[in-house]
Amino acid sequence: MLELLTNQPGVQFYSGNFLNGSVTGKYGRVYRQYDALCLEPQVYPNSPNRPDFPSSRLDPGQTYLHKSAFRFSTI
């Protein structure tokens, strides 16, 4: 099981659907379609233009702190 703990309001999911077997990685392993995924905690896309979304504004003097932890376990 994978748990993602973060102080960000959203998460962007990227899949490896675009992989077509033309990329070779470590140890000569060919990356095929569906071989990868990425979870990227972040503010909501287009949040500066959407007042109904949590703010992504950082004013002068404020500190930006982005925390994320991935916890792996077995069920």
PDB file of N, CA and C in Angstrom:
ATOM      1  N   MET A   1       0.845  -1.152   0.000  1.00  0.00           N
ATOM      2  CA  MET A   1       0.000   0.000   0.000  1.00  0.00           C
ATOM      3  C   MET A   1       0.900   1.227   0.000  1.00  0.00           C
ATOM      4  N   LEU A   2       0.430   2.272  -0.658  1.00  0.00           N
ATOM      5  CA  LEU A   2       1.141   3.545  -0.700  1.00  0.00           C
ATOM      6  C   LEU A   2       0.233   4.615  -0.127  1.00  0.00           C
ATOM      7  N   GLU A   3       0.746   5.358   0.841  1.00  0.00           N
ATOM      8  CA  GLU A   3       0.043   6.520   1.379  1.00  0.00           C
ATOM      9  C   GLU A   3       0.865   7.749   1.035  1.00  0.00           C
ATOM     10  N   LEU A   4       0.182   8.792   0.606  1.00  0.00           N
ATOM     11  CA  LEU A   4       0.828  10.060   0.316  1.00  0.00           C
ATOM     12  C   LEU A   4       0.333  11.070   1.336  1.00  0.00           C
ATOM     13  N   LEU A   5       1.252  11.589   2.151  1.00  0.00           N
ATOM     14  CA  LEU A   5       0.925  12.584   3.165  1.00  0.00           C
ATOM     15  C   LEU A   5       1.533  13.900   2.720  1.00  0.00           C
ATOM     16  N   THR A   6       0.722  14.961   2.639  1.00  0.00           N
ATOM     17  CA  THR A   6       1.212  16.230   2.127  1.00  0.00           C
ATOM     18  C   THR A   6       0.408  17.393   2.684  1.00  0.00           C
ATOM     19  N   ASN A   7       1.012  18.558   2.661  1.00  0.00           N
ATOM     20  CA  ASN A   7       0.285  19.757   3.070  1.00  0.00           C
ATOM     21  C   ASN A   7      -0.287  20.492   1.852  1.00  0.00           C
ATOM     22  N   GLN A   8      -0.204  19.882   0.700  1.00  0.00           N
ATOM     23  CA  GLN A   8      -0.736  20.468  -0.532  1.00  0.00           C
ATOM     24  C   GLN A   8      -2.198  20.054  -0.720  1.00  0.00           C
ATOM     25  N   PRO A   9      -3.028  20.918  -1.322  1.00  0.00           N
ATOM     26  CA  PRO A   9      -4.445  20.600  -1.454  1.00  0.00           C
ATOM     27  C   PRO A   9      -4.774  19.615  -2.575  1.00  0.00           C
ATOM     28  N   GLY A  10      -3.864  19.426  -3.518  1.00  0.00           N
ATOM     29  CA  GLY A  10      -4.163  18.554  -4.649  1.00  0.00           C
ATOM     30  C   GLY A  10      -2.992  17.681  -5.014  1.00  0.00           C
ATOM     31  N   VAL A  11      -3.235  16.792  -5.949  1.00  0.00           N
ATOM     32  CA  VAL A  11      -2.169  15.928  -6.457  1.00  0.00           C
ATOM     33  C   VAL A  11      -2.375  15.759  -7.959  1.00  0.00           C
ATOM     34  N   GLN A  12      -1.282  15.880  -8.696  1.00  0.00           N
ATOM     35  CA  GLN A  12      -1.301  15.668 -10.141  1.00  0.00           C
ATOM     36  C   GLN A  12      -0.819  14.249 -10.387  1.00  0.00           C
ATOM     37  N   PHE A  13      -1.547  13.508 -11.193  1.00  0.00           N
ATOM     38  CA  PHE A  13      -1.184  12.131 -11.526  1.00  0.00           C
ATOM     39  C   PHE A  13      -0.736  12.079 -12.982  1.00  0.00           C
ATOM     40  N   TYR A  14       0.441  11.556 -13.194  1.00  0.00           N
ATOM     41  CA  TYR A  14       0.952  11.328 -14.536  1.00  0.00           C
ATOM     42  C   TYR A  14       1.085   9.821 -14.728  1.00  0.00           C
ATOM     43  N   SER A  15       0.695   9.341 -15.874  1.00  0.00           N
ATOM     44  CA  SER A  15       0.844   7.912 -16.154  1.00  0.00           C
ATOM     45  C   SER A  15       1.900   7.711 -17.234  1.00  0.00           C
ATOM     46  N   GLY A  16       2.308   6.492 -17.407  1.00  0.00           N
ATOM     47  CA  GLY A  16       3.284   6.169 -18.442  1.00  0.00           C
ATOM     48  C   GLY A  16       2.614   5.781 -19.748  1.00  0.00           C
ATOM     49  N   ASN A  17       1.389   6.225 -19.962  1.00  0.00           N
ATOM     50  CA  ASN A  17       0.654   5.826 -21.165  1.00  0.00           C
ATOM     51  C   ASN A  17       1.340   6.245 -22.461  1.00  0.00           C
ATOM     52  N   PHE A  18       2.154   7.304 -22.398  1.00  0.00           N
ATOM     53  CA  PHE A  18       2.817   7.795 -23.610  1.00  0.00           C
ATOM     54  C   PHE A  18       4.061   6.983 -23.955  1.00  0.00           C
ATOM     55  N   LEU A  19       4.522   6.129 -23.039  1.00  0.00           N
ATOM     56  CA  LEU A  19       5.723   5.344 -23.314  1.00  0.00           C
ATOM     57  C   LEU A  19       5.420   4.328 -24.419  1.00  0.00           C
ATOM     58  N   ASN A  20       6.361   4.191 -25.346  1.00  0.00           N
ATOM     59  CA  ASN A  20       6.096   3.316 -26.498  1.00  0.00           C
ATOM     60  C   ASN A  20       7.196   2.286 -26.749  1.00  0.00           C
ATOM     61  N   GLY A  21       8.073   2.085 -25.771  1.00  0.00           N
ATOM     62  CA  GLY A  21       9.134   1.107 -25.941  1.00  0.00           C
ATOM     63  C   GLY A  21      10.385   1.659 -26.600  1.00  0.00           C
ATOM     64  N   SER A  22      10.421   2.951 -26.884  1.00  0.00           N
ATOM     65  CA  SER A  22      11.597   3.531 -27.545  1.00  0.00           C
ATOM     66  C   SER A  22      12.600   4.109 -26.556  1.00  0.00           C
ATOM     67  N   VAL A  23      12.257   4.108 -25.255  1.00  0.00           N
ATOM     68  CA  VAL A  23      13.158   4.641 -24.229  1.00  0.00           C
ATOM     69  C   VAL A  23      13.754   3.478 -23.448  1.00  0.00           C
ATOM     70  N   THR A  24      15.071   3.509 -23.301  1.00  0.00           N
ATOM     71  CA  THR A  24      15.772   2.478 -22.545  1.00  0.00           C
ATOM     72  C   THR A  24      16.313   3.103 -21.274  1.00  0.00           C
ATOM     73  N   GLY A  25      16.089   2.436 -20.142  1.00  0.00           N
ATOM     74  CA  GLY A  25      16.522   2.931 -18.856  1.00  0.00           C
ATOM     75  C   GLY A  25      17.707   2.167 -18.318  1.00  0.00           C
ATOM     76  N   LYS A  26      17.815   2.151 -17.003  1.00  0.00           N
ATOM     77  CA  LYS A  26      18.917   1.459 -16.337  1.00  0.00           C
ATOM     78  C   LYS A  26      18.955  -0.018 -16.720  1.00  0.00           C
ATOM     79  N   TYR A  27      20.164  -0.525 -16.832  1.00  0.00           N
ATOM     80  CA  TYR A  27      20.425  -1.938 -17.107  1.00  0.00           C
ATOM     81  C   TYR A  27      19.792  -2.408 -18.415  1.00  0.00           C
ATOM     82  N   GLY A  28      19.547  -1.458 -19.348  1.00  0.00           N
ATOM     83  CA  GLY A  28      18.999  -1.817 -20.646  1.00  0.00           C
ATOM     84  C   GLY A  28      17.512  -2.123 -20.652  1.00  0.00           C
ATOM     85  N   ARG A  29      16.839  -1.806 -19.563  1.00  0.00           N
ATOM     86  CA  ARG A  29      15.396  -2.091 -19.487  1.00  0.00           C
ATOM     87  C   ARG A  29      14.621  -1.130 -20.371  1.00  0.00           C
ATOM     88  N   VAL A  30      13.767  -1.682 -21.211  1.00  0.00           N
ATOM     89  CA  VAL A  30      12.937  -0.880 -22.104  1.00  0.00           C
ATOM     90  C   VAL A  30      11.671  -0.482 -21.358  1.00  0.00           C
ATOM     91  N   TYR A  31      11.338   0.799 -21.408  1.00  0.00           N
ATOM     92  CA  TYR A  31      10.129   1.300 -20.754  1.00  0.00           C
ATOM     93  C   TYR A  31       8.965   1.226 -21.726  1.00  0.00           C
ATOM     94  N   ARG A  32       7.960   0.449 -21.337  1.00  0.00           N
ATOM     95  CA  ARG A  32       6.782   0.237 -22.172  1.00  0.00           C
ATOM     96  C   ARG A  32       5.595   1.024 -21.627  1.00  0.00           C
ATOM     97  N   GLN A  33       4.548   1.059 -22.433  1.00  0.00           N
ATOM     98  CA  GLN A  33       3.318   1.727 -22.018  1.00  0.00           C
ATOM     99  C   GLN A  33       2.844   1.138 -20.696  1.00  0.00           C
ATOM    100  N   TYR A  34       2.422   1.994 -19.794  1.00  0.00           N
ATOM    101  CA  TYR A  34       1.906   1.650 -18.464  1.00  0.00           C
ATOM    102  C   TYR A  34       2.996   1.218 -17.476  1.00  0.00           C
ATOM    103  N   ASP A  35       4.270   1.398 -17.812  1.00  0.00           N
ATOM    104  CA  ASP A  35       5.353   0.998 -16.914  1.00  0.00           C
ATOM    105  C   ASP A  35       5.685   2.039 -15.850  1.00  0.00           C
ATOM    106  N   ALA A  36       5.033   3.188 -15.847  1.00  0.00           N
ATOM    107  CA  ALA A  36       5.418   4.232 -14.903  1.00  0.00           C
ATOM    108  C   ALA A  36       4.208   5.040 -14.452  1.00  0.00           C
ATOM    109  N   LEU A  37       4.390   5.674 -13.291  1.00  0.00           N
ATOM    110  CA  LEU A  37       3.423   6.663 -12.830  1.00  0.00           C
ATOM    111  C   LEU A  37       4.146   7.647 -11.941  1.00  0.00           C
ATOM    112  N   CYS A  38       3.544   8.812 -11.779  1.00  0.00           N
ATOM    113  CA  CYS A  38       4.117   9.853 -10.942  1.00  0.00           C
ATOM    114  C   CYS A  38       2.990  10.532 -10.186  1.00  0.00           C
ATOM    115  N   LEU A  39       3.182  10.742  -8.891  1.00  0.00           N
ATOM    116  CA  LEU A  39       2.243  11.486  -8.059  1.00  0.00           C
ATOM    117  C   LEU A  39       2.940  12.765  -7.620  1.00  0.00           C
ATOM    118  N   GLU A  40       2.381  13.906  -7.976  1.00  0.00           N
ATOM    119  CA  GLU A  40       3.015  15.193  -7.708  1.00  0.00           C
ATOM    120  C   GLU A  40       2.078  16.076  -6.886  1.00  0.00           C
ATOM    121  N   PRO A  41       2.276  16.145  -5.561  1.00  0.00           N
ATOM    122  CA  PRO A  41       1.456  17.031  -4.734  1.00  0.00           C
ATOM    123  C   PRO A  41       1.693  18.489  -5.112  1.00  0.00           C
ATOM    124  N   GLN A  42       0.617  19.263  -5.212  1.00  0.00           N
ATOM    125  CA  GLN A  42       0.737  20.653  -5.622  1.00  0.00           C
ATOM    126  C   GLN A  42      -0.571  21.391  -5.358  1.00  0.00           C
ATOM    127  N   VAL A  43      -0.561  22.689  -5.613  1.00  0.00           N
ATOM    128  CA  VAL A  43      -1.812  23.451  -5.569  1.00  0.00           C
ATOM    129  C   VAL A  43      -2.625  23.065  -6.798  1.00  0.00           C
ATOM    130  N   TYR A  44      -3.904  23.405  -6.771  1.00  0.00           N
ATOM    131  CA  TYR A  44      -4.757  23.061  -7.903  1.00  0.00           C
ATOM    132  C   TYR A  44      -4.331  23.828  -9.158  1.00  0.00           C
ATOM    133  N   PRO A  45      -4.329  23.163 -10.303  1.00  0.00           N
ATOM    134  CA  PRO A  45      -4.019  23.877 -11.539  1.00  0.00           C
ATOM    135  C   PRO A  45      -5.003  25.039 -11.737  1.00  0.00           C
ATOM    136  N   ASN A  46      -4.500  26.132 -12.221  1.00  0.00           N
ATOM    137  CA  ASN A  46      -5.271  27.333 -12.501  1.00  0.00           C
ATOM    138  C   ASN A  46      -5.818  28.008 -11.244  1.00  0.00           C
ATOM    139  N   SER A  47      -5.275  27.694 -10.081  1.00  0.00           N
ATOM    140  CA  SER A  47      -5.785  28.282  -8.835  1.00  0.00           C
ATOM    141  C   SER A  47      -5.665  29.808  -8.769  1.00  0.00           C
ATOM    142  N   PRO A  48      -4.667  30.444  -9.407  1.00  0.00           N
ATOM    143  CA  PRO A  48      -4.655  31.913  -9.355  1.00  0.00           C
ATOM    144  C   PRO A  48      -5.880  32.550 -10.016  1.00  0.00           C
ATOM    145  N   ASN A  49      -6.503  31.833 -10.929  1.00  0.00           N
ATOM    146  CA  ASN A  49      -7.661  32.359 -11.657  1.00  0.00           C
ATOM    147  C   ASN A  49      -8.994  31.821 -11.154  1.00  0.00           C
ATOM    148  N   ARG A  50      -8.963  31.028 -10.102  1.00  0.00           N
ATOM    149  CA  ARG A  50     -10.187  30.412  -9.592  1.00  0.00           C
ATOM    150  C   ARG A  50     -10.367  30.754  -8.114  1.00  0.00           C
ATOM    151  N   PRO A  51     -11.199  31.730  -7.783  1.00  0.00           N
ATOM    152  CA  PRO A  51     -11.388  32.108  -6.382  1.00  0.00           C
ATOM    153  C   PRO A  51     -12.007  30.997  -5.536  1.00  0.00           C
ATOM    154  N   ASP A  52     -12.618  30.004  -6.168  1.00  0.00           N
ATOM    155  CA  ASP A  52     -13.200  28.886  -5.425  1.00  0.00           C
ATOM    156  C   ASP A  52     -12.174  27.802  -5.088  1.00  0.00           C
ATOM    157  N   PHE A  53     -10.934  27.942  -5.578  1.00  0.00           N
ATOM    158  CA  PHE A  53      -9.853  27.007  -5.259  1.00  0.00           C
ATOM    159  C   PHE A  53      -9.017  27.581  -4.121  1.00  0.00           C
ATOM    160  N   PRO A  54      -8.312  26.722  -3.359  1.00  0.00           N
ATOM    161  CA  PRO A  54      -7.377  27.243  -2.345  1.00  0.00           C
ATOM    162  C   PRO A  54      -6.323  28.133  -3.004  1.00  0.00           C
ATOM    163  N   SER A  55      -5.931  29.181  -2.321  1.00  0.00           N
ATOM    164  CA  SER A  55      -4.999  30.150  -2.883  1.00  0.00           C
ATOM    165  C   SER A  55      -3.595  29.562  -3.046  1.00  0.00           C
ATOM    166  N   SER A  56      -2.934  29.966  -4.114  1.00  0.00           N
ATOM    167  CA  SER A  56      -1.530  29.599  -4.324  1.00  0.00           C
ATOM    168  C   SER A  56      -0.638  30.829  -4.209  1.00  0.00           C
ATOM    169  N   ARG A  57      -1.184  31.897  -3.692  1.00  0.00           N
ATOM    170  CA  ARG A  57      -0.457  33.166  -3.587  1.00  0.00           C
ATOM    171  C   ARG A  57       0.582  33.116  -2.460  1.00  0.00           C
ATOM    172  N   LEU A  58       1.758  33.639  -2.751  1.00  0.00           N
ATOM    173  CA  LEU A  58       2.814  33.778  -1.758  1.00  0.00           C
ATOM    174  C   LEU A  58       3.234  35.236  -1.748  1.00  0.00           C
ATOM    175  N   ASP A  59       2.901  35.936  -0.692  1.00  0.00           N
ATOM    176  CA  ASP A  59       3.207  37.360  -0.583  1.00  0.00           C
ATOM    177  C   ASP A  59       4.649  37.573  -0.122  1.00  0.00           C
ATOM    178  N   PRO A  60       5.220  38.757  -0.407  1.00  0.00           N
ATOM    179  CA  PRO A  60       6.573  39.069   0.058  1.00  0.00           C
ATOM    180  C   PRO A  60       6.678  38.885   1.575  1.00  0.00           C
ATOM    181  N   GLY A  61       7.768  38.266   1.989  1.00  0.00           N
ATOM    182  CA  GLY A  61       7.988  38.027   3.408  1.00  0.00           C
ATOM    183  C   GLY A  61       7.435  36.697   3.899  1.00  0.00           C
ATOM    184  N   GLN A  62       6.560  36.068   3.127  1.00  0.00           N
ATOM    185  CA  GLN A  62       6.035  34.764   3.514  1.00  0.00           C
ATOM    186  C   GLN A  62       7.018  33.672   3.109  1.00  0.00           C
ATOM    187  N   THR A  63       6.953  32.570   3.795  1.00  0.00           N
ATOM    188  CA  THR A  63       7.810  31.425   3.499  1.00  0.00           C
ATOM    189  C   THR A  63       6.979  30.318   2.877  1.00  0.00           C
ATOM    190  N   TYR A  64       7.488  29.749   1.799  1.00  0.00           N
ATOM    191  CA  TYR A  64       6.826  28.622   1.140  1.00  0.00           C
ATOM    192  C   TYR A  64       7.375  27.335   1.736  1.00  0.00           C
ATOM    193  N   LEU A  65       6.503  26.465   2.189  1.00  0.00           N
ATOM    194  CA  LEU A  65       6.917  25.187   2.755  1.00  0.00           C
ATOM    195  C   LEU A  65       6.046  24.092   2.154  1.00  0.00           C
ATOM    196  N   HIS A  66       6.665  23.213   1.441  1.00  0.00           N
ATOM    197  CA  HIS A  66       5.987  22.114   0.760  1.00  0.00           C
ATOM    198  C   HIS A  66       6.478  20.823   1.410  1.00  0.00           C
ATOM    199  N   LYS A  67       5.575  20.109   2.056  1.00  0.00           N
ATOM    200  CA  LYS A  67       5.951  18.855   2.718  1.00  0.00           C
ATOM    201  C   LYS A  67       5.207  17.699   2.073  1.00  0.00           C
ATOM    202  N   SER A  68       5.928  16.638   1.799  1.00  0.00           N
ATOM    203  CA  SER A  68       5.324  15.408   1.276  1.00  0.00           C
ATOM    204  C   SER A  68       6.086  14.220   1.825  1.00  0.00           C
ATOM    205  N   ALA A  69       5.354  13.177   2.121  1.00  0.00           N
ATOM    206  CA  ALA A  69       5.965  11.923   2.564  1.00  0.00           C
ATOM    207  C   ALA A  69       5.214  10.776   1.912  1.00  0.00           C
ATOM    208  N   PHE A  70       5.954   9.818   1.432  1.00  0.00           N
ATOM    209  CA  PHE A  70       5.377   8.613   0.861  1.00  0.00           C
ATOM    210  C   PHE A  70       5.601   7.481   1.858  1.00  0.00           C
ATOM    211  N   ARG A  71       4.545   6.829   2.253  1.00  0.00           N
ATOM    212  CA  ARG A  71       4.655   5.734   3.219  1.00  0.00           C
ATOM    213  C   ARG A  71       4.228   4.444   2.529  1.00  0.00           C
ATOM    214  N   PHE A  72       5.113   3.471   2.517  1.00  0.00           N
ATOM    215  CA  PHE A  72       4.846   2.175   1.903  1.00  0.00           C
ATOM    216  C   PHE A  72       4.650   1.137   2.994  1.00  0.00           C
ATOM    217  N   SER A  73       3.665   0.266   2.806  1.00  0.00           N
ATOM    218  CA  SER A  73       3.428  -0.813   3.758  1.00  0.00           C
ATOM    219  C   SER A  73       2.728  -1.963   3.042  1.00  0.00           C
ATOM    220  N   THR A  74       2.625  -3.060   3.732  1.00  0.00           N
ATOM    221  CA  THR A  74       1.868  -4.199   3.198  1.00  0.00           C
ATOM    222  C   THR A  74       0.577  -4.340   3.982  1.00  0.00           C
ATOM    223  N   ILE A  75      -0.399  -4.842   3.352  1.00  0.00           N
ATOM    224  CA  ILE A  75      -1.715  -4.984   4.012  1.00  0.00           C
ATOM    225  C   ILE A  75      -1.752  -6.279   4.789  1.00  0.00           C
TER     226      ILE A  75
END
